[in-house]
Amino acid sequence: MDNRISQLIDQIKILEDELCDQLHQQEDELLFQLKGKKVEFEHSIKQAHHKLKTGVLQWIFAVRPFNILTAPIIYGMLIPLFIFDILISFYQASCFPIYKINKVHRGDYLVFDRRHLAYLNVFERLHCIYCSYANGLIAYAREILSRTELYFCPIKHAHKIIGSHHRYPRFFAYGDAENYHNKLETLRKKLANEQ
């Protein structure tokens, strides 16, 4: 990999860490703390959240009719999502040990903490659970597949792609046959050592 590209990847990592720190500072301003997986708000904030909660009847009458009409389509996606979840988890459980790829921890991607917010009514909480599951599942699967791609085919595309995963910059350049054949095992060893 080109030295300048390595420098840029390192700079991106530094900026991501800085962004993470800034987001944690923002959490402190919102007066909540993370204690393991549990989120705790200051008592006065909890009370304010209860006061801001929209009642179920008020929420139902305020909802757009198209939202109600499309709800079966949206929630119907749970069936293929569940099937995909089972299949991608089975794939990882059966294949990753063979290739010595560390498993992706599902719980790091499927996080359901928004349902505990006191200002959400039962319908808003269900929406949050659905979105947390669907987006978390896709992120979980993306991580599994990015590790798979790094193992089997770490070659960049000739065309620009939108939304590449975080491992993509480390892939070999399109058409770089020499490095692909000489350094593929090195990349695989690095992948095996990732935590």
C-alpha atoms as a PDB file:
ATOM      1  CA  MET A   1       0.000   0.000   0.000  1.00  0.00           C
ATOM      2  CA  ASP A   2       1.199   3.483  -0.885  1.00  0.00           C
ATOM      3  CA  ASN A   3       2.715   5.386   2.070  1.00  0.00           C
ATOM      4  CA  ARG A   4       0.443   8.419   1.529  1.00  0.00           C
ATOM      5  CA  ILE A   5      -2.645   6.183   1.623  1.00  0.00           C
ATOM      6  CA  SER A   6      -1.431   4.680   4.917  1.00  0.00           C
ATOM      7  CA  GLN A   7      -0.998   8.194   6.323  1.00  0.00           C
ATOM      8  CA  LEU A   8      -4.516   9.189   5.246  1.00  0.00           C
ATOM      9  CA  ILE A   9      -5.994   6.046   6.820  1.00  0.00           C
ATOM     10  CA  ASP A  10      -4.175   6.881  10.075  1.00  0.00           C
ATOM     11  CA  GLN A  11      -5.488  10.473   9.945  1.00  0.00           C
ATOM     12  CA  ILE A  12      -9.033   9.213   9.398  1.00  0.00           C
ATOM     13  CA  LYS A  13      -8.682   6.929  12.438  1.00  0.00           C
ATOM     14  CA  ILE A  14      -7.463   9.876  14.550  1.00  0.00           C
ATOM     15  CA  LEU A  15     -10.434  11.989  13.393  1.00  0.00           C
ATOM     16  CA  GLU A  16     -12.877   9.142  14.137  1.00  0.00           C
ATOM     17  CA  ASP A  17     -11.462   8.881  17.664  1.00  0.00           C
ATOM     18  CA  GLU A  18     -11.768  12.657  18.097  1.00  0.00           C
ATOM     19  CA  LEU A  19     -15.386  12.541  16.882  1.00  0.00           C
ATOM     20  CA  CYS A  20     -16.119   9.751  19.365  1.00  0.00           C
ATOM     21  CA  ASP A  21     -14.659  11.862  22.197  1.00  0.00           C
ATOM     22  CA  GLN A  22     -16.789  14.857  21.164  1.00  0.00           C
ATOM     23  CA  LEU A  23     -19.928  12.704  21.106  1.00  0.00           C
ATOM     24  CA  HIS A  24     -19.161  11.442  24.611  1.00  0.00           C
ATOM     25  CA  GLN A  25     -18.760  15.041  25.798  1.00  0.00           C
ATOM     26  CA  GLN A  26     -22.178  15.778  24.321  1.00  0.00           C
ATOM     27  CA  GLU A  27     -23.595  12.875  26.342  1.00  0.00           C
ATOM     28  CA  ASP A  28     -22.275  14.503  29.501  1.00  0.00           C
ATOM     29  CA  GLU A  29     -24.100  17.734  28.557  1.00  0.00           C
ATOM     30  CA  LEU A  30     -27.360  15.777  28.173  1.00  0.00           C
ATOM     31  CA  LEU A  31     -26.890  14.532  31.729  1.00  0.00           C
ATOM     32  CA  PHE A  32     -26.801  10.801  31.202  1.00  0.00           C
ATOM     33  CA  GLN A  33     -24.158   8.233  31.914  1.00  0.00           C
ATOM     34  CA  LEU A  34     -23.443   4.804  30.542  1.00  0.00           C
ATOM     35  CA  LYS A  35     -22.986   2.154  33.211  1.00  0.00           C
ATOM     36  CA  GLY A  36     -22.098  -0.944  31.250  1.00  0.00           C
ATOM     37  CA  LYS A  37     -25.050  -1.448  28.907  1.00  0.00           C
ATOM     38  CA  LYS A  38     -27.405   0.568  31.120  1.00  0.00           C
ATOM     39  CA  VAL A  39     -28.159   4.245  30.475  1.00  0.00           C
ATOM     40  CA  GLU A  40     -28.920   6.432  33.499  1.00  0.00           C
ATOM     41  CA  PHE A  41     -30.390   9.929  33.316  1.00  0.00           C
ATOM     42  CA  GLU A  42     -30.284  12.498  36.047  1.00  0.00           C
ATOM     43  CA  HIS A  43     -33.587  12.479  37.996  1.00  0.00           C
ATOM     44  CA  SER A  44     -34.694  15.937  36.777  1.00  0.00           C
ATOM     45  CA  ILE A  45     -34.102  14.915  33.156  1.00  0.00           C
ATOM     46  CA  LYS A  46     -36.162  11.751  33.656  1.00  0.00           C
ATOM     47  CA  GLN A  47     -39.058  13.836  34.984  1.00  0.00           C
ATOM     48  CA  ALA A  48     -38.813  16.264  32.052  1.00  0.00           C
ATOM     49  CA  HIS A  49     -38.882  13.319  29.625  1.00  0.00           C
ATOM     50  CA  HIS A  50     -42.115  11.978  31.182  1.00  0.00           C
ATOM     51  CA  LYS A  51     -43.736  15.405  30.739  1.00  0.00           C
ATOM     52  CA  LEU A  52     -42.733  15.518  27.047  1.00  0.00           C
ATOM     53  CA  LYS A  53     -44.212  12.111  26.237  1.00  0.00           C
ATOM     54  CA  THR A  54     -46.999  12.167  23.632  1.00  0.00           C
ATOM     55  CA  GLY A  55     -50.026  10.131  24.678  1.00  0.00           C
ATOM     56  CA  VAL A  56     -50.992   7.159  22.513  1.00  0.00           C
ATOM     57  CA  LEU A  57     -54.370   8.605  21.406  1.00  0.00           C
ATOM     58  CA  GLN A  58     -52.847  11.994  20.635  1.00  0.00           C
ATOM     59  CA  TRP A  59     -50.104  10.255  18.644  1.00  0.00           C
ATOM     60  CA  ILE A  60     -52.591   8.079  16.698  1.00  0.00           C
ATOM     61  CA  PHE A  61     -54.669  11.095  15.659  1.00  0.00           C
ATOM     62  CA  ALA A  62     -51.563  13.038  14.630  1.00  0.00           C
ATOM     63  CA  VAL A  63     -50.079  10.234  12.508  1.00  0.00           C
ATOM     64  CA  ARG A  64     -50.269  10.602   8.717  1.00  0.00           C
ATOM     65  CA  PRO A  65     -52.651   8.105   7.092  1.00  0.00           C
ATOM     66  CA  PHE A  66     -49.919   6.961   4.695  1.00  0.00           C
ATOM     67  CA  ASN A  67     -47.781   5.950   7.690  1.00  0.00           C
ATOM     68  CA  ILE A  68     -50.545   3.630   8.854  1.00  0.00           C
ATOM     69  CA  LEU A  69     -51.107   2.239   5.332  1.00  0.00           C
ATOM     70  CA  THR A  70     -47.420   1.462   4.826  1.00  0.00           C
ATOM     71  CA  ALA A  71     -46.871  -0.037   8.300  1.00  0.00           C
ATOM     72  CA  PRO A  72     -47.655  -3.623   7.164  1.00  0.00           C
ATOM     73  CA  ILE A  73     -45.073  -3.291   4.379  1.00  0.00           C
ATOM     74  CA  ILE A  74     -42.426  -1.914   6.719  1.00  0.00           C
ATOM     75  CA  TYR A  75     -43.061  -4.424   9.502  1.00  0.00           C
ATOM     76  CA  GLY A  76     -43.454  -7.235   6.969  1.00  0.00           C
ATOM     77  CA  MET A  77     -39.736  -6.815   6.301  1.00  0.00           C
ATOM     78  CA  LEU A  78     -39.128  -8.406   9.703  1.00  0.00           C
ATOM     79  CA  ILE A  79     -39.651 -11.862   8.202  1.00  0.00           C
ATOM     80  CA  PRO A  80     -36.806 -11.619   5.634  1.00  0.00           C
ATOM     81  CA  LEU A  81     -34.665  -9.801   8.214  1.00  0.00           C
ATOM     82  CA  PHE A  82     -35.097 -12.663  10.730  1.00  0.00           C
ATOM     83  CA  ILE A  83     -34.253 -15.226   8.051  1.00  0.00           C
ATOM     84  CA  PHE A  84     -31.211 -13.203   6.986  1.00  0.00           C
ATOM     85  CA  ASP A  85     -30.139 -12.890  10.634  1.00  0.00           C
ATOM     86  CA  ILE A  86     -30.258 -16.666  11.099  1.00  0.00           C
ATOM     87  CA  LEU A  87     -28.421 -17.352   7.836  1.00  0.00           C
ATOM     88  CA  ILE A  88     -25.640 -14.770   8.277  1.00  0.00           C
ATOM     89  CA  SER A  89     -25.084 -15.910  11.871  1.00  0.00           C
ATOM     90  CA  PHE A  90     -24.948 -19.546  10.745  1.00  0.00           C
ATOM     91  CA  TYR A  91     -22.525 -18.627   7.959  1.00  0.00           C
ATOM     92  CA  GLN A  92     -20.201 -16.889  10.409  1.00  0.00           C
ATOM     93  CA  ALA A  93     -20.437 -19.652  13.035  1.00  0.00           C
ATOM     94  CA  SER A  94     -19.657 -22.383  10.532  1.00  0.00           C
ATOM     95  CA  CYS A  95     -17.090 -20.738   8.229  1.00  0.00           C
ATOM     96  CA  PHE A  96     -15.091 -18.228  10.279  1.00  0.00           C
ATOM     97  CA  PRO A  97     -13.414 -20.873  12.480  1.00  0.00           C
ATOM     98  CA  ILE A  98     -12.271 -22.729   9.353  1.00  0.00           C
ATOM     99  CA  TYR A  99     -10.606 -19.596   7.940  1.00  0.00           C
ATOM    100  CA  LYS A 100      -9.336 -18.424  11.345  1.00  0.00           C
ATOM    101  CA  ILE A 101     -11.334 -15.206  11.146  1.00  0.00           C
ATOM    102  CA  ASN A 102     -12.441 -13.769  14.489  1.00  0.00           C
ATOM    103  CA  LYS A 103     -16.200 -13.768  14.910  1.00  0.00           C
ATOM    104  CA  VAL A 104     -18.201 -10.558  14.904  1.00  0.00           C
ATOM    105  CA  HIS A 105     -20.004  -9.979  18.222  1.00  0.00           C
ATOM    106  CA  ARG A 106     -23.671  -9.539  17.340  1.00  0.00           C
ATOM    107  CA  GLY A 107     -24.373  -7.596  20.539  1.00  0.00           C
ATOM    108  CA  ASP A 108     -21.975  -4.856  19.482  1.00  0.00           C
ATOM    109  CA  TYR A 109     -24.254  -4.084  16.528  1.00  0.00           C
ATOM    110  CA  LEU A 110     -27.764  -4.810  17.773  1.00  0.00           C
ATOM    111  CA  VAL A 111     -28.357  -2.226  20.486  1.00  0.00           C
ATOM    112  CA  PHE A 112     -31.845  -1.633  21.867  1.00  0.00           C
ATOM    113  CA  ASP A 113     -31.362   1.214  24.343  1.00  0.00           C
ATOM    114  CA  ARG A 114     -33.741   3.797  22.802  1.00  0.00           C
ATOM    115  CA  ARG A 115     -36.769   1.843  24.025  1.00  0.00           C
ATOM    116  CA  HIS A 116     -35.926   3.021  27.557  1.00  0.00           C
ATOM    117  CA  LEU A 117     -36.445   6.708  26.745  1.00  0.00           C
ATOM    118  CA  ALA A 118     -39.310   7.968  28.885  1.00  0.00           C
ATOM    119  CA  TYR A 119     -40.499  10.501  26.279  1.00  0.00           C
ATOM    120  CA  LEU A 120     -41.426   7.757  23.769  1.00  0.00           C
ATOM    121  CA  ASN A 121     -44.861   6.152  23.762  1.00  0.00           C
ATOM    122  CA  VAL A 122     -45.414   2.461  22.993  1.00  0.00           C
ATOM    123  CA  PHE A 123     -45.643   2.980  19.202  1.00  0.00           C
ATOM    124  CA  GLU A 124     -42.540   5.168  19.071  1.00  0.00           C
ATOM    125  CA  ARG A 125     -40.676   2.543  21.101  1.00  0.00           C
ATOM    126  CA  LEU A 126     -41.742  -0.203  18.676  1.00  0.00           C
ATOM    127  CA  HIS A 127     -40.464   1.914  15.780  1.00  0.00           C
ATOM    128  CA  CYS A 128     -37.146   2.400  17.570  1.00  0.00           C
ATOM    129  CA  ILE A 129     -36.820  -1.327  18.257  1.00  0.00           C
ATOM    130  CA  TYR A 130     -37.542  -2.113  14.597  1.00  0.00           C
ATOM    131  CA  CYS A 131     -35.019   0.439  13.288  1.00  0.00           C
ATOM    132  CA  SER A 132     -32.383  -0.611  15.819  1.00  0.00           C
ATOM    133  CA  TYR A 133     -32.793  -4.236  14.794  1.00  0.00           C
ATOM    134  CA  ALA A 134     -32.829  -3.654  11.036  1.00  0.00           C
ATOM    135  CA  ASN A 135     -29.902  -1.214  10.927  1.00  0.00           C
ATOM    136  CA  GLY A 136     -27.926  -3.132  13.541  1.00  0.00           C
ATOM    137  CA  LEU A 137     -28.427  -6.367  11.613  1.00  0.00           C
ATOM    138  CA  ILE A 138     -27.217  -4.766   8.378  1.00  0.00           C
ATOM    139  CA  ALA A 139     -24.157  -3.344  10.170  1.00  0.00           C
ATOM    140  CA  TYR A 140     -23.478  -6.766  11.743  1.00  0.00           C
ATOM    141  CA  ALA A 141     -23.770  -8.472   8.357  1.00  0.00           C
ATOM    142  CA  ARG A 142     -21.608  -5.817   6.713  1.00  0.00           C
ATOM    143  CA  GLU A 143     -18.848  -6.466   9.240  1.00  0.00           C
ATOM    144  CA  ILE A 144     -19.058 -10.215   8.634  1.00  0.00           C
ATOM    145  CA  LEU A 145     -18.964  -9.680   4.882  1.00  0.00           C
ATOM    146  CA  SER A 146     -16.130  -7.134   5.025  1.00  0.00           C
ATOM    147  CA  ARG A 147     -14.018  -9.700   6.881  1.00  0.00           C
ATOM    148  CA  THR A 148     -14.990 -12.289   4.275  1.00  0.00           C
ATOM    149  CA  GLU A 149     -14.076  -9.938   1.436  1.00  0.00           C
ATOM    150  CA  LEU A 150     -10.740  -9.105   3.026  1.00  0.00           C
ATOM    151  CA  TYR A 151      -9.987 -12.817   3.316  1.00  0.00           C
ATOM    152  CA  PHE A 152     -11.033 -13.882  -0.179  1.00  0.00           C
ATOM    153  CA  CYS A 153     -10.932 -10.860  -2.465  1.00  0.00           C
ATOM    154  CA  PRO A 154      -9.222  -7.758  -1.044  1.00  0.00           C
ATOM    155  CA  ILE A 155      -9.092  -5.965  -4.400  1.00  0.00           C
ATOM    156  CA  LYS A 156     -10.497  -2.489  -4.974  1.00  0.00           C
ATOM    157  CA  HIS A 157     -12.943  -1.971  -7.798  1.00  0.00           C
ATOM    158  CA  ALA A 158     -11.938  -0.122 -10.959  1.00  0.00           C
ATOM    159  CA  HIS A 159     -15.045   2.033 -10.565  1.00  0.00           C
ATOM    160  CA  LYS A 160     -15.688   4.280  -7.605  1.00  0.00           C
ATOM    161  CA  ILE A 161     -18.108   2.656  -5.170  1.00  0.00           C
ATOM    162  CA  ILE A 162     -20.366   4.461  -2.735  1.00  0.00           C
ATOM    163  CA  GLY A 163     -20.394   3.474   0.921  1.00  0.00           C
ATOM    164  CA  SER A 164     -17.410   1.164   1.097  1.00  0.00           C
ATOM    165  CA  HIS A 165     -16.643  -0.491   4.430  1.00  0.00           C
ATOM    166  CA  HIS A 166     -13.752   0.561   6.671  1.00  0.00           C
ATOM    167  CA  ARG A 167     -11.431  -2.230   5.475  1.00  0.00           C
ATOM    168  CA  TYR A 168     -11.722  -1.243   1.819  1.00  0.00           C
ATOM    169  CA  PRO A 169      -8.876   1.335   1.815  1.00  0.00           C
ATOM    170  CA  ARG A 170      -6.444  -1.474   2.781  1.00  0.00           C
ATOM    171  CA  PHE A 171      -7.399  -3.556  -0.258  1.00  0.00           C
ATOM    172  CA  PHE A 172      -5.016  -3.976  -3.188  1.00  0.00           C
ATOM    173  CA  ALA A 173      -5.364  -1.646  -6.138  1.00  0.00           C
ATOM    174  CA  TYR A 174      -7.326  -2.894  -9.115  1.00  0.00           C
ATOM    175  CA  GLY A 175      -4.855  -4.586 -11.447  1.00  0.00           C
ATOM    176  CA  ASP A 176      -2.045  -4.862  -8.844  1.00  0.00           C
ATOM    177  CA  ALA A 177      -1.403  -8.567  -9.469  1.00  0.00           C
ATOM    178  CA  GLU A 178       2.055  -8.597  -7.901  1.00  0.00           C
ATOM    179  CA  ASN A 179       1.017  -7.308  -4.481  1.00  0.00           C
ATOM    180  CA  TYR A 180      -2.148  -9.421  -4.523  1.00  0.00           C
ATOM    181  CA  HIS A 181      -0.184 -12.630  -4.918  1.00  0.00           C
ATOM    182  CA  ASN A 182       2.742 -11.600  -2.698  1.00  0.00           C
ATOM    183  CA  LYS A 183       0.882  -9.945   0.181  1.00  0.00           C
ATOM    184  CA  LEU A 184      -2.482 -11.720   0.412  1.00  0.00           C
ATOM    185  CA  GLU A 185      -1.322 -14.032   3.204  1.00  0.00           C
ATOM    186  CA  THR A 186       0.018 -11.029   5.158  1.00  0.00           C
ATOM    187  CA  LEU A 187      -3.423  -9.405   5.005  1.00  0.00           C
ATOM    188  CA  ARG A 188      -5.070 -12.652   6.104  1.00  0.00           C
ATOM    189  CA  LYS A 189      -2.720 -12.923   9.087  1.00  0.00           C
ATOM    190  CA  LYS A 190      -3.560  -9.354  10.128  1.00  0.00           C
ATOM    191  CA  LEU A 191      -7.250 -10.227   9.874  1.00  0.00           C
ATOM    192  CA  ALA A 192      -6.722 -13.311  12.069  1.00  0.00           C
ATOM    193  CA  ASN A 193      -5.115 -11.088  14.738  1.00  0.00           C
ATOM    194  CA  GLU A 194      -7.912  -8.477  14.736  1.00  0.00           C
ATOM    195  CA  GLN A 195     -10.054  -8.349  17.871  1.00  0.00           C
END
